[in-house]
Amino acid sequence: MANTNKKIYVIDDDEIFHFIIKKMFGLQGWGDVSISSFLCAEEAIEELNAYTETTLPSLIILDMNMQRMNGWDFIDAFRELKSKLSKEVPIIMCSSSTNLADMEKVKKTPELMAYITKPLDKSKMSMIAKYL
């Protein structure tokens, strides 16, 4: 898999999820993928606002339910800045929610490529790999 120097933003307020996803990427043999962890969405928006070609992620993995700024708020803020970005950045929403209304909303949100439920497993990691 040619994931050379891919950067992923993981935006989730659960520190354990950050640990697990890094472990999962390691187990998949994707050691050349660098992961930037954000415990709050505001920090990721700040980082994207100040992006350079080398810091722009190839993919964003976004939690839906977070304190202060949730996943949907992040999408709204991302929409305002995405025209300034030099390339399209796909977003995968990853949540423990199995609410059908949430899944329908994801389908109607063009910035979101997929919806993955927690916990992660090999097949879900394969889905993530499609967008790298």
N, C-alpha and C. Protein backbone atom coordinates (compact mmCIF):
# COMPACT_ATOMS: atom_id res chain seq x y z
N MET A 1 0.84 -1.19 0.00
CA MET A 1 0.00 0.00 0.00
C MET A 1 0.89 1.24 0.00
N ALA A 2 0.63 2.13 -0.93
CA ALA A 2 1.49 3.30 -1.07
C ALA A 2 0.94 4.49 -0.29
N ASN A 3 1.11 4.44 1.00
CA ASN A 3 0.65 5.53 1.86
C ASN A 3 1.81 6.43 2.26
N THR A 4 2.74 6.63 1.35
CA THR A 4 3.96 7.34 1.70
C THR A 4 3.67 8.73 2.24
N ASN A 5 4.15 8.97 3.44
CA ASN A 5 4.04 10.26 4.10
C ASN A 5 2.63 10.84 4.12
N LYS A 6 1.67 10.01 4.40
CA LYS A 6 0.30 10.49 4.53
C LYS A 6 0.10 11.02 5.95
N LYS A 7 -0.65 12.09 6.05
CA LYS A 7 -0.94 12.68 7.36
C LYS A 7 -2.44 12.57 7.61
N ILE A 8 -2.77 12.11 8.80
CA ILE A 8 -4.17 11.97 9.18
C ILE A 8 -4.42 12.80 10.43
N TYR A 9 -5.52 13.55 10.42
CA TYR A 9 -5.97 14.23 11.62
C TYR A 9 -7.02 13.33 12.27
N VAL A 10 -6.83 13.02 13.53
CA VAL A 10 -7.84 12.30 14.29
C VAL A 10 -8.40 13.28 15.32
N ILE A 11 -9.68 13.58 15.18
CA ILE A 11 -10.33 14.56 16.05
C ILE A 11 -11.35 13.82 16.91
N ASP A 12 -11.01 13.64 18.18
CA ASP A 12 -11.85 12.86 19.07
C ASP A 12 -11.48 13.25 20.50
N ASP A 13 -12.48 13.44 21.36
CA ASP A 13 -12.18 13.85 22.74
C ASP A 13 -11.86 12.67 23.66
N ASP A 14 -11.74 11.49 23.09
CA ASP A 14 -11.45 10.28 23.86
C ASP A 14 -9.99 9.87 23.64
N GLU A 15 -9.17 10.06 24.67
CA GLU A 15 -7.74 9.75 24.53
C GLU A 15 -7.50 8.28 24.22
N ILE A 16 -8.35 7.41 24.74
CA ILE A 16 -8.20 5.97 24.50
C ILE A 16 -8.39 5.67 23.01
N PHE A 17 -9.33 6.36 22.37
CA PHE A 17 -9.55 6.15 20.94
C PHE A 17 -8.29 6.53 20.15
N HIS A 18 -7.62 7.61 20.55
CA HIS A 18 -6.38 8.02 19.87
C HIS A 18 -5.33 6.91 20.00
N PHE A 19 -5.23 6.36 21.18
CA PHE A 19 -4.27 5.26 21.41
C PHE A 19 -4.63 4.06 20.52
N ILE A 20 -5.91 3.69 20.51
CA ILE A 20 -6.36 2.52 19.74
C ILE A 20 -6.12 2.72 18.24
N ILE A 21 -6.46 3.90 17.72
CA ILE A 21 -6.33 4.09 16.27
C ILE A 21 -4.86 4.07 15.86
N LYS A 22 -3.99 4.63 16.69
CA LYS A 22 -2.55 4.58 16.38
C LYS A 22 -2.07 3.12 16.38
N LYS A 23 -2.55 2.36 17.35
CA LYS A 23 -2.19 0.94 17.44
C LYS A 23 -2.70 0.20 16.21
N MET A 24 -3.94 0.48 15.80
CA MET A 24 -4.54 -0.18 14.63
C MET A 24 -3.75 0.14 13.36
N PHE A 25 -3.34 1.40 13.19
CA PHE A 25 -2.53 1.76 12.02
C PHE A 25 -1.21 1.00 12.03
N GLY A 26 -0.61 0.87 13.21
CA GLY A 26 0.63 0.11 13.33
C GLY A 26 0.43 -1.35 12.95
N LEU A 27 -0.67 -1.95 13.41
CA LEU A 27 -0.95 -3.36 13.12
C LEU A 27 -1.22 -3.58 11.62
N GLN A 28 -1.73 -2.55 10.96
CA GLN A 28 -2.00 -2.65 9.52
C GLN A 28 -0.70 -2.52 8.71
N GLY A 29 0.39 -2.16 9.39
CA GLY A 29 1.66 -1.97 8.69
C GLY A 29 1.75 -0.63 7.99
N TRP A 30 0.98 0.32 8.49
CA TRP A 30 0.98 1.66 7.90
C TRP A 30 1.84 2.59 8.75
N GLY A 31 3.07 2.18 8.96
CA GLY A 31 3.97 2.96 9.81
C GLY A 31 4.34 4.31 9.23
N ASP A 32 4.18 4.47 7.91
CA ASP A 32 4.55 5.74 7.29
C ASP A 32 3.41 6.76 7.32
N VAL A 33 2.32 6.41 7.98
CA VAL A 33 1.20 7.34 8.14
C VAL A 33 1.42 8.10 9.43
N SER A 34 1.44 9.43 9.36
CA SER A 34 1.61 10.17 10.60
C SER A 34 0.23 10.66 11.05
N ILE A 35 0.00 10.51 12.34
CA ILE A 35 -1.31 10.86 12.91
C ILE A 35 -1.15 12.05 13.83
N SER A 36 -1.94 13.08 13.56
CA SER A 36 -2.01 14.23 14.46
C SER A 36 -3.28 14.08 15.27
N SER A 37 -3.14 14.03 16.58
CA SER A 37 -4.28 13.85 17.46
C SER A 37 -4.78 15.18 17.99
N PHE A 38 -6.10 15.36 17.90
CA PHE A 38 -6.73 16.57 18.43
C PHE A 38 -7.84 16.13 19.38
N LEU A 39 -7.76 16.56 20.63
CA LEU A 39 -8.79 16.21 21.61
C LEU A 39 -9.98 17.15 21.52
N CYS A 40 -9.83 18.26 20.80
CA CYS A 40 -10.98 19.13 20.57
C CYS A 40 -10.92 19.64 19.13
N ALA A 41 -12.09 19.81 18.55
CA ALA A 41 -12.19 20.17 17.14
C ALA A 41 -11.66 21.58 16.86
N GLU A 42 -11.77 22.46 17.85
CA GLU A 42 -11.29 23.84 17.64
C GLU A 42 -9.80 23.86 17.29
N GLU A 43 -9.02 23.00 17.96
CA GLU A 43 -7.58 22.97 17.68
C GLU A 43 -7.31 22.51 16.24
N ALA A 44 -8.09 21.56 15.76
CA ALA A 44 -7.91 21.08 14.39
C ALA A 44 -8.26 22.18 13.39
N ILE A 45 -9.32 22.95 13.67
CA ILE A 45 -9.69 24.06 12.79
C ILE A 45 -8.57 25.10 12.76
N GLU A 46 -8.01 25.41 13.93
CA GLU A 46 -6.88 26.36 13.99
C GLU A 46 -5.72 25.87 13.13
N GLU A 47 -5.41 24.58 13.27
CA GLU A 47 -4.31 23.98 12.50
C GLU A 47 -4.59 24.05 10.99
N LEU A 48 -5.82 23.77 10.61
CA LEU A 48 -6.19 23.83 9.19
C LEU A 48 -6.14 25.27 8.67
N ASN A 49 -6.50 26.22 9.50
CA ASN A 49 -6.44 27.62 9.10
C ASN A 49 -5.01 28.08 8.84
N ALA A 50 -4.06 27.47 9.55
CA ALA A 50 -2.66 27.86 9.43
C ALA A 50 -1.87 26.83 8.63
N TYR A 51 -2.55 26.06 7.79
CA TYR A 51 -1.90 24.94 7.11
C TYR A 51 -0.80 25.39 6.15
N THR A 52 0.13 24.47 5.91
CA THR A 52 1.09 24.61 4.82
C THR A 52 0.94 23.33 4.01
N GLU A 53 1.61 23.25 2.88
CA GLU A 53 1.51 22.05 2.05
C GLU A 53 1.90 20.79 2.83
N THR A 54 2.86 20.93 3.75
CA THR A 54 3.33 19.76 4.48
C THR A 54 2.44 19.39 5.66
N THR A 55 1.62 20.33 6.15
CA THR A 55 0.78 20.01 7.30
C THR A 55 -0.65 19.66 6.92
N LEU A 56 -1.03 19.87 5.68
CA LEU A 56 -2.39 19.57 5.26
C LEU A 56 -2.61 18.05 5.29
N PRO A 57 -3.64 17.60 5.99
CA PRO A 57 -3.83 16.15 6.09
C PRO A 57 -4.38 15.54 4.80
N SER A 58 -4.15 14.24 4.63
CA SER A 58 -4.72 13.49 3.51
C SER A 58 -6.12 13.03 3.85
N LEU A 59 -6.39 12.98 5.15
CA LEU A 59 -7.67 12.45 5.63
C LEU A 59 -7.93 12.97 7.04
N ILE A 60 -9.21 13.19 7.35
CA ILE A 60 -9.61 13.56 8.71
C ILE A 60 -10.57 12.49 9.21
N ILE A 61 -10.28 11.97 10.40
CA ILE A 61 -11.19 11.04 11.07
C ILE A 61 -11.80 11.83 12.23
N LEU A 62 -13.11 11.97 12.19
CA LEU A 62 -13.82 12.91 13.05
C LEU A 62 -14.85 12.21 13.93
N ASP A 63 -14.80 12.49 15.22
CA ASP A 63 -15.81 11.98 16.14
C ASP A 63 -17.03 12.89 16.03
N MET A 64 -18.22 12.32 16.24
CA MET A 64 -19.44 13.11 16.16
C MET A 64 -19.74 13.82 17.48
N ASN A 65 -19.63 13.10 18.58
CA ASN A 65 -20.05 13.64 19.88
C ASN A 65 -18.85 14.05 20.70
N MET A 66 -18.63 15.37 20.77
CA MET A 66 -17.53 15.91 21.56
C MET A 66 -18.04 17.11 22.35
N GLN A 67 -17.28 17.48 23.38
CA GLN A 67 -17.61 18.67 24.17
C GLN A 67 -17.41 19.91 23.30
N ARG A 68 -18.02 20.99 23.69
CA ARG A 68 -17.91 22.30 23.01
C ARG A 68 -18.25 22.19 21.53
N MET A 69 -17.28 21.91 20.68
CA MET A 69 -17.51 21.83 19.23
C MET A 69 -17.64 20.35 18.85
N ASN A 70 -18.84 19.95 18.41
CA ASN A 70 -19.01 18.55 18.02
C ASN A 70 -18.65 18.35 16.54
N GLY A 71 -18.83 17.14 16.04
CA GLY A 71 -18.46 16.84 14.66
C GLY A 71 -19.20 17.68 13.63
N TRP A 72 -20.49 17.91 13.88
CA TRP A 72 -21.27 18.71 12.93
C TRP A 72 -20.81 20.17 12.94
N ASP A 73 -20.47 20.69 14.13
CA ASP A 73 -19.94 22.06 14.23
C ASP A 73 -18.62 22.15 13.48
N PHE A 74 -17.80 21.09 13.59
CA PHE A 74 -16.52 21.06 12.88
C PHE A 74 -16.77 21.14 11.36
N ILE A 75 -17.74 20.37 10.87
CA ILE A 75 -18.05 20.37 9.43
C ILE A 75 -18.44 21.78 8.99
N ASP A 76 -19.26 22.47 9.79
CA ASP A 76 -19.66 23.84 9.45
C ASP A 76 -18.44 24.77 9.36
N ALA A 77 -17.55 24.66 10.34
CA ALA A 77 -16.33 25.49 10.34
C ALA A 77 -15.42 25.10 9.18
N PHE A 78 -15.33 23.80 8.90
CA PHE A 78 -14.49 23.31 7.81
C PHE A 78 -14.98 23.84 6.46
N ARG A 79 -16.29 23.91 6.29
CA ARG A 79 -16.88 24.44 5.04
C ARG A 79 -16.39 25.85 4.76
N GLU A 80 -16.27 26.65 5.82
CA GLU A 80 -15.85 28.04 5.65
C GLU A 80 -14.40 28.16 5.20
N LEU A 81 -13.57 27.18 5.57
CA LEU A 81 -12.16 27.32 5.22
C LEU A 81 -11.72 26.40 4.09
N LYS A 82 -12.55 25.45 3.68
CA LYS A 82 -12.07 24.45 2.71
C LYS A 82 -11.73 25.04 1.35
N SER A 83 -12.34 26.18 0.98
CA SER A 83 -12.00 26.79 -0.32
C SER A 83 -10.57 27.33 -0.31
N LYS A 84 -10.01 27.58 0.89
CA LYS A 84 -8.63 28.07 1.00
C LYS A 84 -7.61 26.94 0.91
N LEU A 85 -8.06 25.70 1.10
CA LEU A 85 -7.14 24.57 1.11
C LEU A 85 -6.71 24.23 -0.32
N SER A 86 -5.49 23.76 -0.46
CA SER A 86 -4.94 23.52 -1.80
C SER A 86 -5.41 22.20 -2.40
N LYS A 87 -6.05 21.36 -1.58
CA LYS A 87 -6.57 20.10 -2.10
C LYS A 87 -7.78 19.67 -1.28
N GLU A 88 -8.54 18.79 -1.86
CA GLU A 88 -9.71 18.23 -1.18
C GLU A 88 -9.24 17.33 -0.03
N VAL A 89 -9.84 17.48 1.14
CA VAL A 89 -9.48 16.63 2.28
C VAL A 89 -10.72 15.82 2.67
N PRO A 90 -10.69 14.52 2.40
CA PRO A 90 -11.85 13.70 2.77
C PRO A 90 -11.97 13.56 4.28
N ILE A 91 -13.22 13.46 4.74
CA ILE A 91 -13.49 13.31 6.17
C ILE A 91 -14.31 12.03 6.38
N ILE A 92 -13.90 11.23 7.34
CA ILE A 92 -14.66 10.05 7.74
C ILE A 92 -15.16 10.31 9.15
N MET A 93 -16.47 10.19 9.36
CA MET A 93 -17.00 10.35 10.69
C MET A 93 -16.95 8.99 11.39
N CYS A 94 -16.42 8.99 12.59
CA CYS A 94 -16.28 7.76 13.35
C CYS A 94 -16.92 8.00 14.71
N SER A 95 -17.95 7.22 15.02
CA SER A 95 -18.69 7.47 16.24
C SER A 95 -19.24 6.17 16.80
N SER A 96 -19.59 6.21 18.07
CA SER A 96 -20.24 5.04 18.67
C SER A 96 -21.74 5.08 18.43
N SER A 97 -22.24 6.18 17.87
CA SER A 97 -23.67 6.32 17.62
C SER A 97 -24.13 5.40 16.49
N THR A 98 -25.22 4.69 16.73
CA THR A 98 -25.84 3.87 15.68
C THR A 98 -27.20 4.47 15.32
N ASN A 99 -27.39 5.72 15.66
CA ASN A 99 -28.63 6.43 15.39
C ASN A 99 -28.84 6.59 13.88
N LEU A 100 -29.96 6.11 13.37
CA LEU A 100 -30.22 6.17 11.93
C LEU A 100 -30.29 7.60 11.42
N ALA A 101 -30.79 8.51 12.23
CA ALA A 101 -30.85 9.93 11.81
C ALA A 101 -29.44 10.48 11.57
N ASP A 102 -28.50 10.09 12.43
CA ASP A 102 -27.10 10.52 12.25
C ASP A 102 -26.55 9.96 10.94
N MET A 103 -26.82 8.69 10.68
CA MET A 103 -26.30 8.05 9.46
C MET A 103 -26.91 8.69 8.21
N GLU A 104 -28.17 9.06 8.27
CA GLU A 104 -28.82 9.74 7.14
C GLU A 104 -28.19 11.13 6.93
N LYS A 105 -27.91 11.81 8.03
CA LYS A 105 -27.30 13.14 7.94
C LYS A 105 -25.92 13.04 7.29
N VAL A 106 -25.17 11.99 7.63
CA VAL A 106 -23.85 11.78 7.03
C VAL A 106 -23.99 11.65 5.51
N LYS A 107 -24.97 10.87 5.07
CA LYS A 107 -25.18 10.67 3.62
C LYS A 107 -25.47 11.97 2.90
N LYS A 108 -26.08 12.93 3.61
CA LYS A 108 -26.46 14.21 3.00
C LYS A 108 -25.37 15.27 3.16
N THR A 109 -24.25 14.88 3.75
CA THR A 109 -23.16 15.84 4.00
C THR A 109 -22.02 15.55 3.04
N PRO A 110 -21.87 16.38 2.00
CA PRO A 110 -20.88 16.07 0.95
C PRO A 110 -19.44 15.96 1.43
N GLU A 111 -19.09 16.65 2.52
CA GLU A 111 -17.71 16.58 3.03
C GLU A 111 -17.39 15.21 3.62
N LEU A 112 -18.41 14.47 4.02
CA LEU A 112 -18.19 13.18 4.67
C LEU A 112 -18.21 12.05 3.66
N MET A 113 -17.12 11.30 3.63
CA MET A 113 -16.97 10.19 2.69
C MET A 113 -17.61 8.91 3.23
N ALA A 114 -17.60 8.76 4.57
CA ALA A 114 -18.08 7.52 5.15
C ALA A 114 -18.42 7.74 6.62
N TYR A 115 -19.15 6.77 7.16
CA TYR A 115 -19.50 6.77 8.57
C TYR A 115 -19.08 5.42 9.12
N ILE A 116 -18.22 5.43 10.11
CA ILE A 116 -17.71 4.19 10.69
C ILE A 116 -18.08 4.18 12.17
N THR A 117 -18.62 3.07 12.63
CA THR A 117 -18.96 2.97 14.04
C THR A 117 -17.78 2.39 14.83
N LYS A 118 -17.67 2.86 16.06
CA LYS A 118 -16.66 2.32 16.97
C LYS A 118 -17.23 1.05 17.57
N PRO A 119 -16.43 0.10 17.99
CA PRO A 119 -14.97 0.08 17.92
C PRO A 119 -14.47 -0.26 16.51
N LEU A 120 -13.21 0.11 16.27
CA LEU A 120 -12.59 -0.18 14.98
C LEU A 120 -12.22 -1.65 14.88
N ASP A 121 -12.23 -2.17 13.67
CA ASP A 121 -11.73 -3.52 13.41
C ASP A 121 -11.02 -3.51 12.06
N LYS A 122 -10.54 -4.67 11.63
CA LYS A 122 -9.78 -4.73 10.37
C LYS A 122 -10.57 -4.23 9.17
N SER A 123 -11.84 -4.61 9.07
CA SER A 123 -12.63 -4.20 7.90
C SER A 123 -12.85 -2.69 7.90
N LYS A 124 -13.04 -2.11 9.09
CA LYS A 124 -13.21 -0.65 9.17
C LYS A 124 -11.90 0.06 8.83
N MET A 125 -10.78 -0.54 9.21
CA MET A 125 -9.48 0.04 8.85
C MET A 125 -9.27 -0.03 7.34
N SER A 126 -9.75 -1.09 6.71
CA SER A 126 -9.66 -1.19 5.24
C SER A 126 -10.48 -0.11 4.57
N MET A 127 -11.62 0.21 5.17
CA MET A 127 -12.45 1.28 4.62
C MET A 127 -11.72 2.61 4.71
N ILE A 128 -11.07 2.85 5.85
CA ILE A 128 -10.30 4.09 6.04
C ILE A 128 -9.19 4.15 5.00
N ALA A 129 -8.53 3.03 4.73
CA ALA A 129 -7.41 2.99 3.78
C ALA A 129 -7.82 3.43 2.38
N LYS A 130 -9.06 3.20 2.00
CA LYS A 130 -9.53 3.60 0.66
C LYS A 130 -9.40 5.10 0.43
N TYR A 131 -9.44 5.86 1.50
CA TYR A 131 -9.43 7.32 1.38
C TYR A 131 -8.03 7.92 1.56
N LEU A 132 -7.05 7.09 1.82
CA LEU A 132 -5.69 7.60 2.00
C LEU A 132 -4.98 7.78 0.68
